[in-house]
Amino acid sequence: MARKFEELRARMSPESRSRSEAMANRLLDEMALDELRAARELTQEHLARLLKVKQSSISKLEKRTDMYLSTLRDFIKAMGGELEIRAVFPDGTVRINQLRKLDR
């Protein structure tokens, strides 16, 4: 018998609920490009039209682990976002602003 999530959640201990919420937030903070595109409710075909490329190019791009920053920036921009690169250190985080030079 299927149960509603809220019923199951209500039976969880506060510690377990906290761990579950932290994991969910971490998953939302970190997404692969295909997951991000899907979360933004965009198809590969739609994104391909926006970027003036073939749908197969979007598919290949989403599977890449190495690409030009300008390509990634254009991909994010086509989804309505802005690419930011940050350097994270134990004593703080710094936004790298050198990418402004990539703007055409």
PDB file of N, CA and C in Angstrom:
ATOM      1  N   MET A   1       0.837  -1.185   0.000  1.00  0.00           N
ATOM      2  CA  MET A   1       0.000   0.000   0.000  1.00  0.00           C
ATOM      3  C   MET A   1       0.884   1.251   0.000  1.00  0.00           C
ATOM      4  N   ALA A   2       0.628   2.144  -0.910  1.00  0.00           N
ATOM      5  CA  ALA A   2       1.409   3.378  -1.021  1.00  0.00           C
ATOM      6  C   ALA A   2       1.009   4.360   0.071  1.00  0.00           C
ATOM      7  N   ARG A   3       1.991   5.057   0.591  1.00  0.00           N
ATOM      8  CA  ARG A   3       1.733   6.068   1.616  1.00  0.00           C
ATOM      9  C   ARG A   3       2.125   7.432   1.077  1.00  0.00           C
ATOM     10  N   LYS A   4       1.476   8.438   1.595  1.00  0.00           N
ATOM     11  CA  LYS A   4       1.821   9.804   1.218  1.00  0.00           C
ATOM     12  C   LYS A   4       3.152  10.168   1.873  1.00  0.00           C
ATOM     13  N   PHE A   5       3.930  10.945   1.142  1.00  0.00           N
ATOM     14  CA  PHE A   5       5.247  11.343   1.638  1.00  0.00           C
ATOM     15  C   PHE A   5       5.122  12.091   2.965  1.00  0.00           C
ATOM     16  N   GLU A   6       4.134  12.947   3.091  1.00  0.00           N
ATOM     17  CA  GLU A   6       3.983  13.726   4.328  1.00  0.00           C
ATOM     18  C   GLU A   6       3.758  12.821   5.536  1.00  0.00           C
ATOM     19  N   GLU A   7       3.054  11.705   5.330  1.00  0.00           N
ATOM     20  CA  GLU A   7       2.849  10.758   6.436  1.00  0.00           C
ATOM     21  C   GLU A   7       4.179  10.142   6.856  1.00  0.00           C
ATOM     22  N   LEU A   8       4.954   9.730   5.879  1.00  0.00           N
ATOM     23  CA  LEU A   8       6.263   9.146   6.182  1.00  0.00           C
ATOM     24  C   LEU A   8       7.189  10.171   6.828  1.00  0.00           C
ATOM     25  N   ARG A   9       7.162  11.378   6.302  1.00  0.00           N
ATOM     26  CA  ARG A   9       8.015  12.444   6.839  1.00  0.00           C
ATOM     27  C   ARG A   9       7.653  12.748   8.292  1.00  0.00           C
ATOM     28  N   ALA A  10       6.381  12.741   8.599  1.00  0.00           N
ATOM     29  CA  ALA A  10       5.929  13.036   9.962  1.00  0.00           C
ATOM     30  C   ALA A  10       6.424  11.991  10.958  1.00  0.00           C
ATOM     31  N   ARG A  11       6.654  10.771  10.483  1.00  0.00           N
ATOM     32  CA  ARG A  11       7.114   9.702  11.368  1.00  0.00           C
ATOM     33  C   ARG A  11       8.627   9.686  11.525  1.00  0.00           C
ATOM     34  N   MET A  12       9.331  10.507  10.748  1.00  0.00           N
ATOM     35  CA  MET A  12      10.794  10.557  10.835  1.00  0.00           C
ATOM     36  C   MET A  12      11.228  11.314  12.085  1.00  0.00           C
ATOM     37  N   SER A  13      12.382  10.920  12.619  1.00  0.00           N
ATOM     38  CA  SER A  13      12.934  11.654  13.762  1.00  0.00           C
ATOM     39  C   SER A  13      13.400  13.027  13.279  1.00  0.00           C
ATOM     40  N   PRO A  14      13.491  14.018  14.158  1.00  0.00           N
ATOM     41  CA  PRO A  14      13.983  15.345  13.758  1.00  0.00           C
ATOM     42  C   PRO A  14      15.377  15.281  13.131  1.00  0.00           C
ATOM     43  N   GLU A  15      16.248  14.414  13.653  1.00  0.00           N
ATOM     44  CA  GLU A  15      17.595  14.280  13.097  1.00  0.00           C
ATOM     45  C   GLU A  15      17.548  13.732  11.675  1.00  0.00           C
ATOM     46  N   SER A  16      16.730  12.728  11.463  1.00  0.00           N
ATOM     47  CA  SER A  16      16.593  12.121  10.141  1.00  0.00           C
ATOM     48  C   SER A  16      15.980  13.105   9.155  1.00  0.00           C
ATOM     49  N   ARG A  17      14.995  13.862   9.612  1.00  0.00           N
ATOM     50  CA  ARG A  17      14.367  14.882   8.761  1.00  0.00           C
ATOM     51  C   ARG A  17      15.378  15.958   8.371  1.00  0.00           C
ATOM     52  N   SER A  18      16.209  16.347   9.318  1.00  0.00           N
ATOM     53  CA  SER A  18      17.236  17.355   9.056  1.00  0.00           C
ATOM     54  C   SER A  18      18.245  16.853   8.038  1.00  0.00           C
ATOM     55  N   ARG A  19      18.695  15.602   8.195  1.00  0.00           N
ATOM     56  CA  ARG A  19      19.632  15.015   7.230  1.00  0.00           C
ATOM     57  C   ARG A  19      19.007  14.930   5.842  1.00  0.00           C
ATOM     58  N   SER A  20      17.755  14.553   5.793  1.00  0.00           N
ATOM     59  CA  SER A  20      17.039  14.441   4.514  1.00  0.00           C
ATOM     60  C   SER A  20      16.927  15.801   3.825  1.00  0.00           C
ATOM     61  N   GLU A  21      16.600  16.832   4.581  1.00  0.00           N
ATOM     62  CA  GLU A  21      16.486  18.179   4.021  1.00  0.00           C
ATOM     63  C   GLU A  21      17.844  18.694   3.540  1.00  0.00           C
ATOM     64  N   ALA A  22      18.902  18.404   4.302  1.00  0.00           N
ATOM     65  CA  ALA A  22      20.246  18.831   3.900  1.00  0.00           C
ATOM     66  C   ALA A  22      20.656  18.140   2.603  1.00  0.00           C
ATOM     67  N   MET A  23      20.344  16.861   2.481  1.00  0.00           N
ATOM     68  CA  MET A  23      20.684  16.128   1.256  1.00  0.00           C
ATOM     69  C   MET A  23      19.897  16.679   0.066  1.00  0.00           C
ATOM     70  N   ALA A  24      18.622  16.963   0.270  1.00  0.00           N
ATOM     71  CA  ALA A  24      17.796  17.524  -0.808  1.00  0.00           C
ATOM     72  C   ALA A  24      18.339  18.880  -1.248  1.00  0.00           C
ATOM     73  N   ASN A  25      18.717  19.726  -0.309  1.00  0.00           N
ATOM     74  CA  ASN A  25      19.288  21.035  -0.646  1.00  0.00           C
ATOM     75  C   ASN A  25      20.607  20.896  -1.400  1.00  0.00           C
ATOM     76  N   ARG A  26      21.421  19.930  -0.988  1.00  0.00           N
ATOM     77  CA  ARG A  26      22.702  19.700  -1.662  1.00  0.00           C
ATOM     78  C   ARG A  26      22.456  19.239  -3.104  1.00  0.00           C
ATOM     79  N   LEU A  27      21.472  18.376  -3.298  1.00  0.00           N
ATOM     80  CA  LEU A  27      21.160  17.900  -4.650  1.00  0.00           C
ATOM     81  C   LEU A  27      20.634  19.031  -5.526  1.00  0.00           C
ATOM     82  N   LEU A  28      19.883  19.952  -4.933  1.00  0.00           N
ATOM     83  CA  LEU A  28      19.379  21.093  -5.696  1.00  0.00           C
ATOM     84  C   LEU A  28      20.484  22.090  -6.009  1.00  0.00           C
ATOM     85  N   ASP A  29      21.496  22.165  -5.152  1.00  0.00           N
ATOM     86  CA  ASP A  29      22.615  23.083  -5.367  1.00  0.00           C
ATOM     87  C   ASP A  29      23.589  22.569  -6.416  1.00  0.00           C
ATOM     88  N   GLU A  30      23.565  21.273  -6.676  1.00  0.00           N
ATOM     89  CA  GLU A  30      24.505  20.661  -7.614  1.00  0.00           C
ATOM     90  C   GLU A  30      23.721  19.875  -8.649  1.00  0.00           C
ATOM     91  N   MET A  31      23.809  20.289  -9.899  1.00  0.00           N
ATOM     92  CA  MET A  31      23.112  19.584 -10.971  1.00  0.00           C
ATOM     93  C   MET A  31      23.995  19.493 -12.199  1.00  0.00           C
ATOM     94  N   ALA A  32      23.843  18.404 -12.909  1.00  0.00           N
ATOM     95  CA  ALA A  32      24.473  18.282 -14.222  1.00  0.00           C
ATOM     96  C   ALA A  32      23.678  19.153 -15.195  1.00  0.00           C
ATOM     97  N   LEU A  33      24.274  19.479 -16.333  1.00  0.00           N
ATOM     98  CA  LEU A  33      23.609  20.365 -17.298  1.00  0.00           C
ATOM     99  C   LEU A  33      22.271  19.812 -17.774  1.00  0.00           C
ATOM    100  N   ASP A  34      22.184  18.503 -18.024  1.00  0.00           N
ATOM    101  CA  ASP A  34      20.914  17.941 -18.486  1.00  0.00           C
ATOM    102  C   ASP A  34      19.846  18.032 -17.406  1.00  0.00           C
ATOM    103  N   GLU A  35      20.232  17.849 -16.145  1.00  0.00           N
ATOM    104  CA  GLU A  35      19.284  17.979 -15.043  1.00  0.00           C
ATOM    105  C   GLU A  35      18.820  19.424 -14.900  1.00  0.00           C
ATOM    106  N   LEU A  36      19.759  20.353 -15.050  1.00  0.00           N
ATOM    107  CA  LEU A  36      19.431  21.774 -14.951  1.00  0.00           C
ATOM    108  C   LEU A  36      18.471  22.176 -16.063  1.00  0.00           C
ATOM    109  N   ARG A  37      18.747  21.717 -17.278  1.00  0.00           N
ATOM    110  CA  ARG A  37      17.872  22.029 -18.410  1.00  0.00           C
ATOM    111  C   ARG A  37      16.466  21.484 -18.153  1.00  0.00           C
ATOM    112  N   ALA A  38      16.386  20.245 -17.681  1.00  0.00           N
ATOM    113  CA  ALA A  38      15.085  19.631 -17.401  1.00  0.00           C
ATOM    114  C   ALA A  38      14.361  20.368 -16.272  1.00  0.00           C
ATOM    115  N   ALA A  39      15.113  20.770 -15.243  1.00  0.00           N
ATOM    116  CA  ALA A  39      14.505  21.508 -14.132  1.00  0.00           C
ATOM    117  C   ALA A  39      13.963  22.860 -14.591  1.00  0.00           C
ATOM    118  N   ARG A  40      14.594  23.438 -15.606  1.00  0.00           N
ATOM    119  CA  ARG A  40      14.126  24.719 -16.167  1.00  0.00           C
ATOM    120  C   ARG A  40      13.011  24.494 -17.189  1.00  0.00           C
ATOM    121  N   GLU A  41      12.603  23.217 -17.344  1.00  0.00           N
ATOM    122  CA  GLU A  41      11.526  22.825 -18.257  1.00  0.00           C
ATOM    123  C   GLU A  41      11.823  23.209 -19.702  1.00  0.00           C
ATOM    124  N   LEU A  42      13.067  22.953 -20.113  1.00  0.00           N
ATOM    125  CA  LEU A  42      13.495  23.194 -21.490  1.00  0.00           C
ATOM    126  C   LEU A  42      13.843  21.860 -22.137  1.00  0.00           C
ATOM    127  N   THR A  43      13.499  21.707 -23.404  1.00  0.00           N
ATOM    128  CA  THR A  43      13.899  20.516 -24.143  1.00  0.00           C
ATOM    129  C   THR A  43      15.219  20.786 -24.847  1.00  0.00           C
ATOM    130  N   GLN A  44      15.871  19.720 -25.255  1.00  0.00           N
ATOM    131  CA  GLN A  44      17.094  19.876 -26.033  1.00  0.00           C
ATOM    132  C   GLN A  44      16.790  20.591 -27.344  1.00  0.00           C
ATOM    133  N   GLU A  45      15.643  20.292 -27.936  1.00  0.00           N
ATOM    134  CA  GLU A  45      15.265  20.920 -29.198  1.00  0.00           C
ATOM    135  C   GLU A  45      15.092  22.431 -29.037  1.00  0.00           C
ATOM    136  N   HIS A  46      14.426  22.838 -27.967  1.00  0.00           N
ATOM    137  CA  HIS A  46      14.209  24.272 -27.725  1.00  0.00           C
ATOM    138  C   HIS A  46      15.540  24.988 -27.506  1.00  0.00           C
ATOM    139  N   LEU A  47      16.388  24.398 -26.695  1.00  0.00           N
ATOM    140  CA  LEU A  47      17.694  25.000 -26.411  1.00  0.00           C
ATOM    141  C   LEU A  47      18.536  25.069 -27.686  1.00  0.00           C
ATOM    142  N   ALA A  48      18.444  24.042 -28.521  1.00  0.00           N
ATOM    143  CA  ALA A  48      19.175  24.035 -29.789  1.00  0.00           C
ATOM    144  C   ALA A  48      18.728  25.192 -30.679  1.00  0.00           C
ATOM    145  N   ARG A  49      17.422  25.450 -30.718  1.00  0.00           N
ATOM    146  CA  ARG A  49      16.924  26.582 -31.515  1.00  0.00           C
ATOM    147  C   ARG A  49      17.458  27.895 -30.970  1.00  0.00           C
ATOM    148  N   LEU A  50      17.476  28.048 -29.652  1.00  0.00           N
ATOM    149  CA  LEU A  50      17.984  29.283 -29.041  1.00  0.00           C
ATOM    150  C   LEU A  50      19.463  29.499 -29.352  1.00  0.00           C
ATOM    151  N   LEU A  51      20.227  28.418 -29.375  1.00  0.00           N
ATOM    152  CA  LEU A  51      21.663  28.515 -29.608  1.00  0.00           C
ATOM    153  C   LEU A  51      22.037  28.377 -31.079  1.00  0.00           C
ATOM    154  N   LYS A  52      21.018  28.139 -31.911  1.00  0.00           N
ATOM    155  CA  LYS A  52      21.231  27.987 -33.360  1.00  0.00           C
ATOM    156  C   LYS A  52      22.204  26.847 -33.672  1.00  0.00           C
ATOM    157  N   VAL A  53      21.965  25.705 -33.006  1.00  0.00           N
ATOM    158  CA  VAL A  53      22.740  24.489 -33.253  1.00  0.00           C
ATOM    159  C   VAL A  53      21.758  23.325 -33.393  1.00  0.00           C
ATOM    160  N   LYS A  54      22.279  22.155 -33.728  1.00  0.00           N
ATOM    161  CA  LYS A  54      21.439  20.962 -33.836  1.00  0.00           C
ATOM    162  C   LYS A  54      21.169  20.386 -32.448  1.00  0.00           C
ATOM    163  N   GLN A  55      20.056  19.681 -32.323  1.00  0.00           N
ATOM    164  CA  GLN A  55      19.705  19.038 -31.061  1.00  0.00           C
ATOM    165  C   GLN A  55      20.797  18.075 -30.624  1.00  0.00           C
ATOM    166  N   SER A  56      21.421  17.394 -31.573  1.00  0.00           N
ATOM    167  CA  SER A  56      22.480  16.442 -31.232  1.00  0.00           C
ATOM    168  C   SER A  56      23.678  17.144 -30.581  1.00  0.00           C
ATOM    169  N   SER A  57      23.903  18.412 -30.948  1.00  0.00           N
ATOM    170  CA  SER A  57      24.987  19.181 -30.325  1.00  0.00           C
ATOM    171  C   SER A  57      24.692  19.435 -28.854  1.00  0.00           C
ATOM    172  N   ILE A  58      23.432  19.693 -28.535  1.00  0.00           N
ATOM    173  CA  ILE A  58      23.037  19.890 -27.129  1.00  0.00           C
ATOM    174  C   ILE A  58      23.246  18.593 -26.355  1.00  0.00           C
ATOM    175  N   SER A  59      22.843  17.487 -26.937  1.00  0.00           N
ATOM    176  CA  SER A  59      23.018  16.187 -26.294  1.00  0.00           C
ATOM    177  C   SER A  59      24.495  15.921 -26.008  1.00  0.00           C
ATOM    178  N   LYS A  60      25.349  16.171 -26.975  1.00  0.00           N
ATOM    179  CA  LYS A  60      26.795  15.957 -26.793  1.00  0.00           C
ATOM    180  C   LYS A  60      27.360  16.897 -25.729  1.00  0.00           C
ATOM    181  N   LEU A  61      26.927  18.145 -25.751  1.00  0.00           N
ATOM    182  CA  LEU A  61      27.418  19.133 -24.790  1.00  0.00           C
ATOM    183  C   LEU A  61      27.067  18.733 -23.360  1.00  0.00           C
ATOM    184  N   GLU A  62      25.848  18.213 -23.183  1.00  0.00           N
ATOM    185  CA  GLU A  62      25.408  17.826 -21.841  1.00  0.00           C
ATOM    186  C   GLU A  62      26.205  16.649 -21.287  1.00  0.00           C
ATOM    187  N   LYS A  63      26.843  15.893 -22.153  1.00  0.00           N
ATOM    188  CA  LYS A  63      27.620  14.728 -21.714  1.00  0.00           C
ATOM    189  C   LYS A  63      29.101  15.043 -21.517  1.00  0.00           C
ATOM    190  N   ARG A  64      29.525  16.211 -21.966  1.00  0.00           N
ATOM    191  CA  ARG A  64      30.946  16.573 -21.881  1.00  0.00           C
ATOM    192  C   ARG A  64      31.362  16.873 -20.454  1.00  0.00           C
ATOM    193  N   THR A  65      32.586  16.554 -20.160  1.00  0.00           N
ATOM    194  CA  THR A  65      33.151  16.907 -18.855  1.00  0.00           C
ATOM    195  C   THR A  65      34.160  18.034 -18.980  1.00  0.00           C
ATOM    196  N   ASP A  66      34.472  18.421 -20.212  1.00  0.00           N
ATOM    197  CA  ASP A  66      35.446  19.480 -20.452  1.00  0.00           C
ATOM    198  C   ASP A  66      34.947  20.317 -21.628  1.00  0.00           C
ATOM    199  N   MET A  67      34.857  21.624 -21.436  1.00  0.00           N
ATOM    200  CA  MET A  67      34.388  22.500 -22.514  1.00  0.00           C
ATOM    201  C   MET A  67      34.923  23.907 -22.281  1.00  0.00           C
ATOM    202  N   TYR A  68      34.832  24.723 -23.305  1.00  0.00           N
ATOM    203  CA  TYR A  68      35.213  26.124 -23.170  1.00  0.00           C
ATOM    204  C   TYR A  68      34.242  26.832 -22.230  1.00  0.00           C
ATOM    205  N   LEU A  69      34.753  27.776 -21.452  1.00  0.00           N
ATOM    206  CA  LEU A  69      33.892  28.564 -20.581  1.00  0.00           C
ATOM    207  C   LEU A  69      32.871  29.354 -21.397  1.00  0.00           C
ATOM    208  N   SER A  70      33.271  29.827 -22.572  1.00  0.00           N
ATOM    209  CA  SER A  70      32.346  30.600 -23.409  1.00  0.00           C
ATOM    210  C   SER A  70      31.179  29.726 -23.871  1.00  0.00           C
ATOM    211  N   THR A  71      31.435  28.452 -24.141  1.00  0.00           N
ATOM    212  CA  THR A  71      30.368  27.529 -24.534  1.00  0.00           C
ATOM    213  C   THR A  71      29.417  27.306 -23.369  1.00  0.00           C
ATOM    214  N   LEU A  72      29.968  27.086 -22.194  1.00  0.00           N
ATOM    215  CA  LEU A  72      29.144  26.890 -21.006  1.00  0.00           C
ATOM    216  C   LEU A  72      28.353  28.149 -20.690  1.00  0.00           C
ATOM    217  N   ARG A  73      29.001  29.320 -20.810  1.00  0.00           N
ATOM    218  CA  ARG A  73      28.318  30.587 -20.564  1.00  0.00           C
ATOM    219  C   ARG A  73      27.126  30.761 -21.507  1.00  0.00           C
ATOM    220  N   ASP A  74      27.324  30.464 -22.796  1.00  0.00           N
ATOM    221  CA  ASP A  74      26.233  30.586 -23.768  1.00  0.00           C
ATOM    222  C   ASP A  74      25.092  29.629 -23.448  1.00  0.00           C
ATOM    223  N   PHE A  75      25.428  28.416 -23.036  1.00  0.00           N
ATOM    224  CA  PHE A  75      24.432  27.413 -22.673  1.00  0.00           C
ATOM    225  C   PHE A  75      23.578  27.904 -21.502  1.00  0.00           C
ATOM    226  N   ILE A  76      24.247  28.405 -20.466  1.00  0.00           N
ATOM    227  CA  ILE A  76      23.549  28.906 -19.275  1.00  0.00           C
ATOM    228  C   ILE A  76      22.719  30.139 -19.632  1.00  0.00           C
ATOM    229  N   LYS A  77      23.273  31.020 -20.440  1.00  0.00           N
ATOM    230  CA  LYS A  77      22.567  32.233 -20.846  1.00  0.00           C
ATOM    231  C   LYS A  77      21.302  31.901 -21.631  1.00  0.00           C
ATOM    232  N   ALA A  78      21.369  30.877 -22.490  1.00  0.00           N
ATOM    233  CA  ALA A  78      20.201  30.464 -23.267  1.00  0.00           C
ATOM    234  C   ALA A  78      19.083  29.939 -22.365  1.00  0.00           C
ATOM    235  N   MET A  79      19.454  29.450 -21.179  1.00  0.00           N
ATOM    236  CA  MET A  79      18.455  28.977 -20.218  1.00  0.00           C
ATOM    237  C   MET A  79      17.948  30.111 -19.329  1.00  0.00           C
ATOM    238  N   GLY A  80      18.478  31.315 -19.540  1.00  0.00           N
ATOM    239  CA  GLY A  80      18.024  32.464 -18.760  1.00  0.00           C
ATOM    240  C   GLY A  80      18.892  32.777 -17.559  1.00  0.00           C
ATOM    241  N   GLY A  81      20.054  32.143 -17.472  1.00  0.00           N
ATOM    242  CA  GLY A  81      20.925  32.359 -16.318  1.00  0.00           C
ATOM    243  C   GLY A  81      22.184  33.103 -16.670  1.00  0.00           C
ATOM    244  N   GLU A  82      23.057  33.200 -15.689  1.00  0.00           N
ATOM    245  CA  GLU A  82      24.359  33.850 -15.850  1.00  0.00           C
ATOM    246  C   GLU A  82      25.400  32.958 -15.197  1.00  0.00           C
ATOM    247  N   LEU A  83      26.482  32.698 -15.905  1.00  0.00           N
ATOM    248  CA  LEU A  83      27.545  31.846 -15.379  1.00  0.00           C
ATOM    249  C   LEU A  83      28.444  32.648 -14.455  1.00  0.00           C
ATOM    250  N   GLU A  84      28.701  32.100 -13.281  1.00  0.00           N
ATOM    251  CA  GLU A  84      29.648  32.685 -12.342  1.00  0.00           C
ATOM    252  C   GLU A  84      30.661  31.613 -11.973  1.00  0.00           C
ATOM    253  N   ILE A  85      31.913  32.004 -11.897  1.00  0.00           N
ATOM    254  CA  ILE A  85      32.963  31.089 -11.450  1.00  0.00           C
ATOM    255  C   ILE A  85      33.481  31.611 -10.115  1.00  0.00           C
ATOM    256  N   ARG A  86      33.543  30.709  -9.131  1.00  0.00           N
ATOM    257  CA  ARG A  86      34.010  31.086  -7.806  1.00  0.00           C
ATOM    258  C   ARG A  86      35.175  30.209  -7.402  1.00  0.00           C
ATOM    259  N   ALA A  87      36.112  30.792  -6.690  1.00  0.00           N
ATOM    260  CA  ALA A  87      37.199  30.045  -6.067  1.00  0.00           C
ATOM    261  C   ALA A  87      36.858  29.930  -4.585  1.00  0.00           C
ATOM    262  N   VAL A  88      36.835  28.709  -4.077  1.00  0.00           N
ATOM    263  CA  VAL A  88      36.439  28.467  -2.695  1.00  0.00           C
ATOM    264  C   VAL A  88      37.664  28.051  -1.893  1.00  0.00           C
ATOM    265  N   PHE A  89      37.936  28.805  -0.847  1.00  0.00           N
ATOM    266  CA  PHE A  89      39.066  28.553   0.043  1.00  0.00           C
ATOM    267  C   PHE A  89      38.542  28.320   1.454  1.00  0.00           C
ATOM    268  N   PRO A  90      39.352  27.728   2.328  1.00  0.00           N
ATOM    269  CA  PRO A  90      38.901  27.527   3.710  1.00  0.00           C
ATOM    270  C   PRO A  90      38.493  28.827   4.404  1.00  0.00           C
ATOM    271  N   ASP A  91      39.127  29.944   4.023  1.00  0.00           N
ATOM    272  CA  ASP A  91      38.822  31.200   4.710  1.00  0.00           C
ATOM    273  C   ASP A  91      37.877  32.112   3.917  1.00  0.00           C
ATOM    274  N   GLY A  92      37.297  31.616   2.845  1.00  0.00           N
ATOM    275  CA  GLY A  92      36.334  32.441   2.122  1.00  0.00           C
ATOM    276  C   GLY A  92      36.218  32.076   0.648  1.00  0.00           C
ATOM    277  N   THR A  93      35.315  32.756  -0.019  1.00  0.00           N
ATOM    278  CA  THR A  93      35.023  32.524  -1.430  1.00  0.00           C
ATOM    279  C   THR A  93      35.248  33.805  -2.217  1.00  0.00           C
ATOM    280  N   VAL A  94      35.799  33.675  -3.425  1.00  0.00           N
ATOM    281  CA  VAL A  94      36.060  34.823  -4.286  1.00  0.00           C
ATOM    282  C   VAL A  94      35.422  34.557  -5.642  1.00  0.00           C
ATOM    283  N   ARG A  95      34.641  35.514  -6.130  1.00  0.00           N
ATOM    284  CA  ARG A  95      34.068  35.412  -7.465  1.00  0.00           C
ATOM    285  C   ARG A  95      35.126  35.867  -8.466  1.00  0.00           C
ATOM    286  N   ILE A  96      35.376  35.053  -9.469  1.00  0.00           N
ATOM    287  CA  ILE A  96      36.349  35.385 -10.503  1.00  0.00           C
ATOM    288  C   ILE A  96      35.639  36.245 -11.551  1.00  0.00           C
ATOM    289  N   ASN A  97      36.078  37.494 -11.695  1.00  0.00           N
ATOM    290  CA  ASN A  97      35.383  38.425 -12.602  1.00  0.00           C
ATOM    291  C   ASN A  97      36.033  38.522 -13.962  1.00  0.00           C
ATOM    292  N   GLN A  98      37.071  37.773 -14.197  1.00  0.00           N
ATOM    293  CA  GLN A  98      37.789  37.817 -15.472  1.00  0.00           C
ATOM    294  C   GLN A  98      36.913  37.361 -16.629  1.00  0.00           C
ATOM    295  N   LEU A  99      35.822  36.669 -16.349  1.00  0.00           N
ATOM    296  CA  LEU A  99      34.944  36.160 -17.401  1.00  0.00           C
ATOM    297  C   LEU A  99      34.201  37.262 -18.123  1.00  0.00           C
ATOM    298  N   ARG A 100      34.154  38.444 -17.546  1.00  0.00           N
ATOM    299  CA  ARG A 100      33.506  39.556 -18.244  1.00  0.00           C
ATOM    300  C   ARG A 100      34.139  39.793 -19.604  1.00  0.00           C
ATOM    301  N   LYS A 101      35.410  39.462 -19.719  1.00  0.00           N
ATOM    302  CA  LYS A 101      36.128  39.641 -20.982  1.00  0.00           C
ATOM    303  C   LYS A 101      35.585  38.706 -22.072  1.00  0.00           C
ATOM    304  N   LEU A 102      34.859  37.655 -21.664  1.00  0.00           N
ATOM    305  CA  LEU A 102      34.289  36.721 -22.634  1.00  0.00           C
ATOM    306  C   LEU A 102      33.076  37.308 -23.341  1.00  0.00           C
ATOM    307  N   ASP A 103      32.444  38.311 -22.746  1.00  0.00           N
ATOM    308  CA  ASP A 103      31.252  38.904 -23.363  1.00  0.00           C
ATOM    309  C   ASP A 103      31.609  39.470 -24.720  1.00  0.00           C
ATOM    310  N   ARG A 104      30.752  39.149 -25.653  1.00  0.00           N
ATOM    311  CA  ARG A 104      31.021  39.580 -27.029  1.00  0.00           C
ATOM    312  C   ARG A 104      30.453  40.953 -27.289  1.00  0.00           C
TER     313      ARG A 104
END
